[in-house]
Amino acid sequence: LLIGIGIQALAEYNLQKSETDGNILSVEYKRDRIPGNLGFDPLGLGKDSGSIKGLHNIEVNAGRLAMIGITSFLFKEFVVKDASIAQ
């Protein structure tokens, strides 16, 4: 996990080091760059901008569904104390 986070951080650093303001902490995104898009697309799913937008929307919706699922597990674990209700 830490190796993956480190690789992502290095990739973001490489994309930001070409800035001309001299401050690496400031983020100046280019218009043609999408945040989170580091150019890793081995299957070629994001060839055109329409498919990238669709894939982004699918990813956002999957994340929302995952948050709802985790919330239901936490609700069941910490709020519902009666075992007959939980099942």
C-alpha atoms as a PDB file:
ATOM      1  CA  LEU A   1       0.000   0.000   0.000  1.00  0.00           C
ATOM      2  CA  LEU A   2       2.780   2.417   0.903  1.00  0.00           C
ATOM      3  CA  ILE A   3       4.624   1.609  -2.305  1.00  0.00           C
ATOM      4  CA  GLY A   4       1.491   2.395  -4.324  1.00  0.00           C
ATOM      5  CA  ILE A   5       1.009   5.707  -2.522  1.00  0.00           C
ATOM      6  CA  GLY A   6       4.663   6.539  -3.071  1.00  0.00           C
ATOM      7  CA  ILE A   7       4.411   5.802  -6.795  1.00  0.00           C
ATOM      8  CA  GLN A   8       1.326   8.016  -7.065  1.00  0.00           C
ATOM      9  CA  ALA A   9       3.080  10.827  -5.180  1.00  0.00           C
ATOM     10  CA  LEU A  10       6.128  10.601  -7.458  1.00  0.00           C
ATOM     11  CA  ALA A  11       3.933  10.649 -10.551  1.00  0.00           C
ATOM     12  CA  GLU A  12       2.107  13.762  -9.309  1.00  0.00           C
ATOM     13  CA  TYR A  13       5.450  15.386  -8.454  1.00  0.00           C
ATOM     14  CA  ASN A  14       6.748  14.703 -11.961  1.00  0.00           C
ATOM     15  CA  LEU A  15       3.666  16.319 -13.463  1.00  0.00           C
ATOM     16  CA  GLN A  16       3.953  19.382 -11.205  1.00  0.00           C
ATOM     17  CA  LYS A  17       7.709  19.982 -11.424  1.00  0.00           C
ATOM     18  CA  SER A  18       7.324  21.660 -14.791  1.00  0.00           C
ATOM     19  CA  GLU A  19       5.590  24.633 -13.153  1.00  0.00           C
ATOM     20  CA  THR A  20       7.306  27.961 -13.565  1.00  0.00           C
ATOM     21  CA  ASP A  21       6.378  29.706 -10.300  1.00  0.00           C
ATOM     22  CA  GLY A  22       9.145  27.997  -8.277  1.00  0.00           C
ATOM     23  CA  ASN A  23       6.783  26.752  -5.553  1.00  0.00           C
ATOM     24  CA  ILE A  24       6.190  22.991  -5.653  1.00  0.00           C
ATOM     25  CA  LEU A  25       3.416  23.275  -3.051  1.00  0.00           C
ATOM     26  CA  SER A  26       1.205  25.340  -5.343  1.00  0.00           C
ATOM     27  CA  VAL A  27      -0.802  23.332  -7.816  1.00  0.00           C
ATOM     28  CA  GLU A  28      -1.400  24.779 -11.251  1.00  0.00           C
ATOM     29  CA  TYR A  29      -3.269  22.303 -13.380  1.00  0.00           C
ATOM     30  CA  LYS A  30      -3.203  22.579 -17.127  1.00  0.00           C
ATOM     31  CA  ARG A  31      -6.504  22.754 -18.998  1.00  0.00           C
ATOM     32  CA  ASP A  32      -5.877  19.495 -20.839  1.00  0.00           C
ATOM     33  CA  ARG A  33      -5.033  17.590 -17.650  1.00  0.00           C
ATOM     34  CA  ILE A  34      -7.606  15.735 -15.588  1.00  0.00           C
ATOM     35  CA  PRO A  35      -6.797  15.388 -11.837  1.00  0.00           C
ATOM     36  CA  GLY A  36      -5.941  11.792 -11.042  1.00  0.00           C
ATOM     37  CA  ASN A  37      -5.116  10.944 -14.647  1.00  0.00           C
ATOM     38  CA  LEU A  38      -1.479   9.923 -14.552  1.00  0.00           C
ATOM     39  CA  GLY A  39      -1.430   8.436 -18.022  1.00  0.00           C
ATOM     40  CA  PHE A  40      -1.731   4.802 -16.901  1.00  0.00           C
ATOM     41  CA  ASP A  41      -4.281   3.217 -19.230  1.00  0.00           C
ATOM     42  CA  PRO A  42      -2.983  -0.199 -20.347  1.00  0.00           C
ATOM     43  CA  LEU A  43      -6.350  -1.282 -21.795  1.00  0.00           C
ATOM     44  CA  GLY A  44      -6.857   1.945 -23.738  1.00  0.00           C
ATOM     45  CA  LEU A  45     -10.288   2.648 -22.246  1.00  0.00           C
ATOM     46  CA  GLY A  46      -9.867   6.427 -22.231  1.00  0.00           C
ATOM     47  CA  LYS A  47      -8.985   7.159 -25.830  1.00  0.00           C
ATOM     48  CA  ASP A  48     -11.388  10.061 -26.289  1.00  0.00           C
ATOM     49  CA  SER A  49     -12.673  12.696 -23.862  1.00  0.00           C
ATOM     50  CA  GLY A  50     -16.251  11.328 -23.913  1.00  0.00           C
ATOM     51  CA  SER A  51     -15.201   7.936 -22.609  1.00  0.00           C
ATOM     52  CA  ILE A  52     -12.993   9.547 -19.956  1.00  0.00           C
ATOM     53  CA  LYS A  53     -15.940  11.567 -18.681  1.00  0.00           C
ATOM     54  CA  GLY A  54     -18.136   8.456 -18.613  1.00  0.00           C
ATOM     55  CA  LEU A  55     -15.486   6.423 -16.788  1.00  0.00           C
ATOM     56  CA  HIS A  56     -15.055   9.252 -14.284  1.00  0.00           C
ATOM     57  CA  ASN A  57     -18.795   9.306 -13.587  1.00  0.00           C
ATOM     58  CA  ILE A  58     -18.830   5.520 -13.131  1.00  0.00           C
ATOM     59  CA  GLU A  59     -15.932   5.778 -10.680  1.00  0.00           C
ATOM     60  CA  VAL A  60     -17.646   8.528  -8.674  1.00  0.00           C
ATOM     61  CA  ASN A  61     -20.888   6.533  -8.492  1.00  0.00           C
ATOM     62  CA  ALA A  62     -19.030   3.378  -7.408  1.00  0.00           C
ATOM     63  CA  GLY A  63     -17.326   5.389  -4.659  1.00  0.00           C
ATOM     64  CA  ARG A  64     -20.669   6.733  -3.462  1.00  0.00           C
ATOM     65  CA  LEU A  65     -22.122   3.230  -3.392  1.00  0.00           C
ATOM     66  CA  ALA A  66     -19.102   2.026  -1.393  1.00  0.00           C
ATOM     67  CA  MET A  67     -19.610   4.844   1.140  1.00  0.00           C
ATOM     68  CA  ILE A  68     -23.270   3.867   1.547  1.00  0.00           C
ATOM     69  CA  GLY A  69     -22.241   0.238   2.069  1.00  0.00           C
ATOM     70  CA  ILE A  70     -19.622   1.084   4.692  1.00  0.00           C
ATOM     71  CA  THR A  71     -22.111   3.349   6.474  1.00  0.00           C
ATOM     72  CA  SER A  72     -24.651   0.525   6.658  1.00  0.00           C
ATOM     73  CA  PHE A  73     -22.039  -1.853   8.104  1.00  0.00           C
ATOM     74  CA  LEU A  74     -21.002   0.730  10.704  1.00  0.00           C
ATOM     75  CA  PHE A  75     -24.635   1.455  11.572  1.00  0.00           C
ATOM     76  CA  LYS A  76     -25.298  -2.247  12.071  1.00  0.00           C
ATOM     77  CA  GLU A  77     -22.158  -2.706  14.167  1.00  0.00           C
ATOM     78  CA  PHE A  78     -22.344   0.320  16.463  1.00  0.00           C
ATOM     79  CA  VAL A  79     -25.968   1.506  16.579  1.00  0.00           C
ATOM     80  CA  VAL A  80     -28.075  -1.639  16.402  1.00  0.00           C
ATOM     81  CA  LYS A  81     -27.459  -3.512  19.648  1.00  0.00           C
ATOM     82  CA  ASP A  82     -30.324  -6.018  19.431  1.00  0.00           C
ATOM     83  CA  ALA A  83     -29.173  -9.112  17.547  1.00  0.00           C
ATOM     84  CA  SER A  84     -32.679  -9.970  16.334  1.00  0.00           C
ATOM     85  CA  ILE A  85     -32.991  -6.591  14.559  1.00  0.00           C
ATOM     86  CA  ALA A  86     -29.535  -6.842  13.006  1.00  0.00           C
ATOM     87  CA  GLN A  87     -30.356 -10.078  11.182  1.00  0.00           C
END
